[in-house]
Protein backbone atom coordinates (compact mmCIF):
# COMPACT_ATOMS: atom_id res chain seq x y z
CA UNK A 1 0.03 -0.23 0.11
CA UNK A 2 1.65 3.47 -0.92
CA UNK A 3 1.37 6.31 1.21
CA UNK A 4 -0.88 8.79 -0.27
CA UNK A 5 -2.48 11.33 1.99
CA UNK A 6 -3.39 13.53 -1.25
CA UNK A 7 -5.18 11.04 -2.97
CA UNK A 8 -3.35 11.71 -5.93
CA UNK A 9 -0.54 9.43 -6.61
CA UNK A 10 -1.55 8.22 -9.92
CA UNK A 11 -1.06 12.08 -11.58
CA UNK A 12 1.20 13.66 -9.04
CA UNK A 13 3.49 10.92 -7.83
CA UNK A 14 4.63 9.88 -4.55
CA UNK A 15 3.50 12.54 -2.16
CA UNK A 16 3.22 15.05 -5.11
CA UNK A 17 7.15 15.28 -5.99
CA UNK A 18 8.15 17.70 -8.37
CA UNK A 19 9.11 14.97 -10.82
CA UNK A 20 5.86 13.27 -10.22
CA UNK A 21 7.74 10.38 -9.70
CA UNK A 22 6.21 7.05 -8.51
CA UNK A 23 9.00 4.68 -7.76
CA UNK A 24 9.40 5.04 -4.17
CA UNK A 25 12.94 4.03 -4.58
CA UNK A 26 13.72 6.78 -6.97
CA UNK A 27 12.04 9.31 -4.77
CA UNK A 28 14.27 8.27 -1.79
CA UNK A 29 17.38 8.55 -3.73
CA UNK A 30 16.16 12.27 -4.64
CA UNK A 31 15.44 13.01 -1.28
CA UNK A 32 18.70 11.82 0.07
CA UNK A 33 20.43 13.62 -2.40
CA UNK A 34 18.58 16.79 -1.71
CA UNK A 35 19.67 16.35 1.95
CA UNK A 36 23.04 15.71 1.75
CA UNK A 37 23.68 18.58 -0.79
CA UNK A 38 21.70 21.07 1.50
CA UNK A 39 22.82 20.23 4.97
CA UNK A 40 25.71 22.59 5.15
CA UNK A 41 23.23 25.17 3.96
CA UNK A 42 20.72 24.14 6.83
CA UNK A 43 23.43 24.37 9.25
CA UNK A 44 24.51 27.78 8.18
CA UNK A 45 20.84 29.16 8.28
CA UNK A 46 20.35 27.55 12.02
CA UNK A 47 23.63 28.80 13.00
CA UNK A 48 22.07 32.64 12.31
CA UNK A 49 19.39 32.09 14.16
CA UNK A 50 19.92 33.33 17.89
CA UNK A 51 16.97 31.41 19.34
CA UNK A 52 15.28 28.61 16.97
CA UNK A 53 11.84 28.96 16.49
CA UNK A 54 9.09 26.83 14.87
CA UNK A 55 9.44 28.84 11.72
CA UNK A 56 13.32 27.89 11.69
CA UNK A 57 12.13 24.14 11.62
CA UNK A 58 9.90 24.81 8.58
CA UNK A 59 12.74 26.82 6.91
CA UNK A 60 15.15 23.93 7.52
CA UNK A 61 12.94 21.49 6.14
CA UNK A 62 12.16 23.71 3.06
CA UNK A 63 16.28 23.89 2.84
CA UNK A 64 16.42 20.08 3.10
CA UNK A 65 13.75 18.96 0.66
CA UNK A 66 12.62 22.13 -0.95
CA UNK A 67 14.25 20.39 -4.36
CA UNK A 68 11.99 17.25 -4.36
CA UNK A 69 8.66 18.70 -2.58
CA UNK A 70 6.42 21.56 -3.70
CA UNK A 71 5.03 21.38 0.05
CA UNK A 72 8.70 21.29 1.68
CA UNK A 73 8.67 23.57 4.73
CA UNK A 74 4.87 23.37 5.20
CA UNK A 75 3.87 21.60 7.97
CA UNK A 76 0.76 18.83 8.08
CA UNK A 77 -1.83 21.53 9.55
CA UNK A 78 -1.45 23.10 5.99
CA UNK A 79 -0.88 20.12 4.12
CA UNK A 80 -3.30 17.03 5.24
CA UNK A 81 -4.70 18.74 8.49
CA UNK A 82 -7.02 15.55 9.04
CA UNK A 83 -4.37 13.32 8.39
CA UNK A 84 -3.08 10.98 11.67
CA UNK A 85 0.42 9.78 11.32
CA UNK A 86 0.89 6.65 12.60
CA UNK A 87 4.17 4.24 12.58
CA UNK A 88 3.44 0.80 14.64
CA UNK A 89 1.97 1.67 18.08
CA UNK A 90 3.45 5.16 18.02
CA UNK A 91 0.99 7.84 16.98
CA UNK A 92 2.61 11.16 16.13
CA UNK A 93 1.00 14.56 17.11
CA UNK A 94 -2.29 15.41 15.13
CA UNK A 95 -2.29 18.96 13.31
CA UNK A 96 -3.18 20.96 15.97
CA UNK A 97 -0.61 19.84 18.50
CA UNK A 98 2.09 20.13 16.03
CA UNK A 99 3.54 23.45 16.83
CA UNK A 100 2.97 23.43 20.51
CA UNK A 101 5.17 19.85 20.38
CA UNK A 102 8.07 21.35 18.45
CA UNK A 103 7.80 24.59 20.47
CA UNK A 104 8.16 23.09 23.94
CA UNK A 105 11.11 20.92 22.27
CA UNK A 106 12.90 24.17 20.94
CA UNK A 107 11.99 25.93 24.45
CA UNK A 108 13.57 22.87 26.68
CA UNK A 109 16.27 22.22 24.24
CA UNK A 110 17.41 25.87 24.05
CA UNK A 111 17.95 25.66 28.13
CA UNK A 112 21.37 24.57 27.62
CA UNK A 113 21.47 22.62 31.23
CA UNK A 114 18.37 20.89 30.45
CA UNK A 115 19.74 19.95 27.07
CA UNK A 116 22.85 18.66 28.28
CA UNK A 117 20.83 16.62 30.85
CA UNK A 118 17.78 15.36 28.80
CA UNK A 119 18.80 15.31 24.89
CA UNK A 120 16.80 11.75 24.47
CA UNK A 121 13.73 13.94 25.83
CA UNK A 122 14.24 16.80 23.58
CA UNK A 123 14.55 14.49 20.61
CA UNK A 124 11.06 12.55 21.49
CA UNK A 125 9.28 15.74 21.87
CA UNK A 126 10.85 17.06 18.45
CA UNK A 127 9.85 13.52 16.98
CA UNK A 128 6.43 13.41 18.47
CA UNK A 129 5.44 16.59 16.54
CA UNK A 130 6.37 14.89 13.37
CA UNK A 131 5.42 18.32 11.28
CA UNK A 132 5.93 16.95 7.67
CA UNK A 133 4.80 14.13 5.59
CA UNK A 134 8.27 12.99 5.17
CA UNK A 135 11.74 14.20 5.90
CA UNK A 136 10.95 14.49 9.64
CA UNK A 137 13.69 12.57 10.97
CA UNK A 138 16.51 14.25 9.06
CA UNK A 139 15.19 17.77 9.85
CA UNK A 140 14.74 16.78 13.76
CA UNK A 141 18.29 15.44 13.72
CA UNK A 142 19.66 18.89 12.07
CA UNK A 143 17.82 20.91 14.64
CA UNK A 144 18.65 18.62 17.36
CA UNK A 145 22.23 18.80 16.50
CA UNK A 146 22.50 22.60 16.64
CA UNK A 147 20.66 22.61 19.96
CA UNK A 148 23.07 19.69 21.53
CA UNK A 149 25.87 21.82 20.18
CA UNK A 150 24.80 24.94 21.55
CA UNK A 151 24.69 22.96 24.97
CA UNK A 152 28.38 22.17 24.66
CA UNK A 153 28.24 18.58 23.21
CA UNK A 154 27.71 16.50 20.06
CA UNK A 155 26.19 12.95 18.97
CA UNK A 156 28.01 10.96 16.85
CA UNK A 157 25.15 9.85 14.80
CA UNK A 158 27.40 7.39 12.70
CA UNK A 159 28.09 5.57 15.73
CA UNK A 160 24.50 5.30 16.75
CA UNK A 161 22.86 1.66 16.26
CA UNK A 162 19.61 2.39 14.41
CA UNK A 163 17.25 -0.39 16.37
CA UNK A 164 18.52 0.90 19.80
CA UNK A 165 17.95 4.54 18.79
CA UNK A 166 14.58 3.71 17.42
CA UNK A 167 13.47 1.82 20.35
CA UNK A 168 14.94 4.57 22.64
CA UNK A 169 13.22 7.41 20.66
CA UNK A 170 9.84 5.24 20.47
CA UNK A 171 9.81 5.27 24.19
CA UNK A 172 10.29 8.95 24.32
CA UNK A 173 7.64 9.96 21.86
CA UNK A 174 5.16 7.88 24.21
CA UNK A 175 5.70 10.49 26.75
CA UNK A 176 5.44 13.97 25.09
CA UNK A 177 1.32 14.09 24.74
CA UNK A 178 0.97 14.22 28.92
CA UNK A 179 3.78 16.53 29.31
CA UNK A 180 2.78 19.02 26.63
CA UNK A 181 -0.86 19.16 27.80
CA UNK A 182 0.56 20.01 31.50
CA UNK A 183 1.25 23.31 32.21
CA UNK A 184 5.45 23.60 32.44
């Protein structure tokens, strides 16, 4: 089953990509090429922002994936407001919760002591927000890397074991809905 939130896969391809490509493997290669060639630009953009905002997350996504998708940099509240995103047992933020989840992560993540003490929690909040139809993980990793760097540490993503990371992230994602709806 193809992920087709717009209902126009037959005419517009996978997620309305610019090339109207239907072959997922080709689209994923295009995404990867866009990401790898735009990552330095994204980091340079984020470095200019003294305080990271929700708008910076949207712009980062647009920088990273704007060559592939016309909707890059627009959150699910704009593109598919009624869509619920679920992967396995994990249910991500619904459209009205996206901005609050990401802004909460940014608030907490820009507190250097908090970020240093709880980087996994911050990643969980960012991931829970899941603002985009695709490219969330790579966008979140870029933003999270900048938050970590500003807090005085870095994460060697290449040394991370994917299954262990995804397991830990799944546990972190289970917590945000409760924390975000509680006054902080």
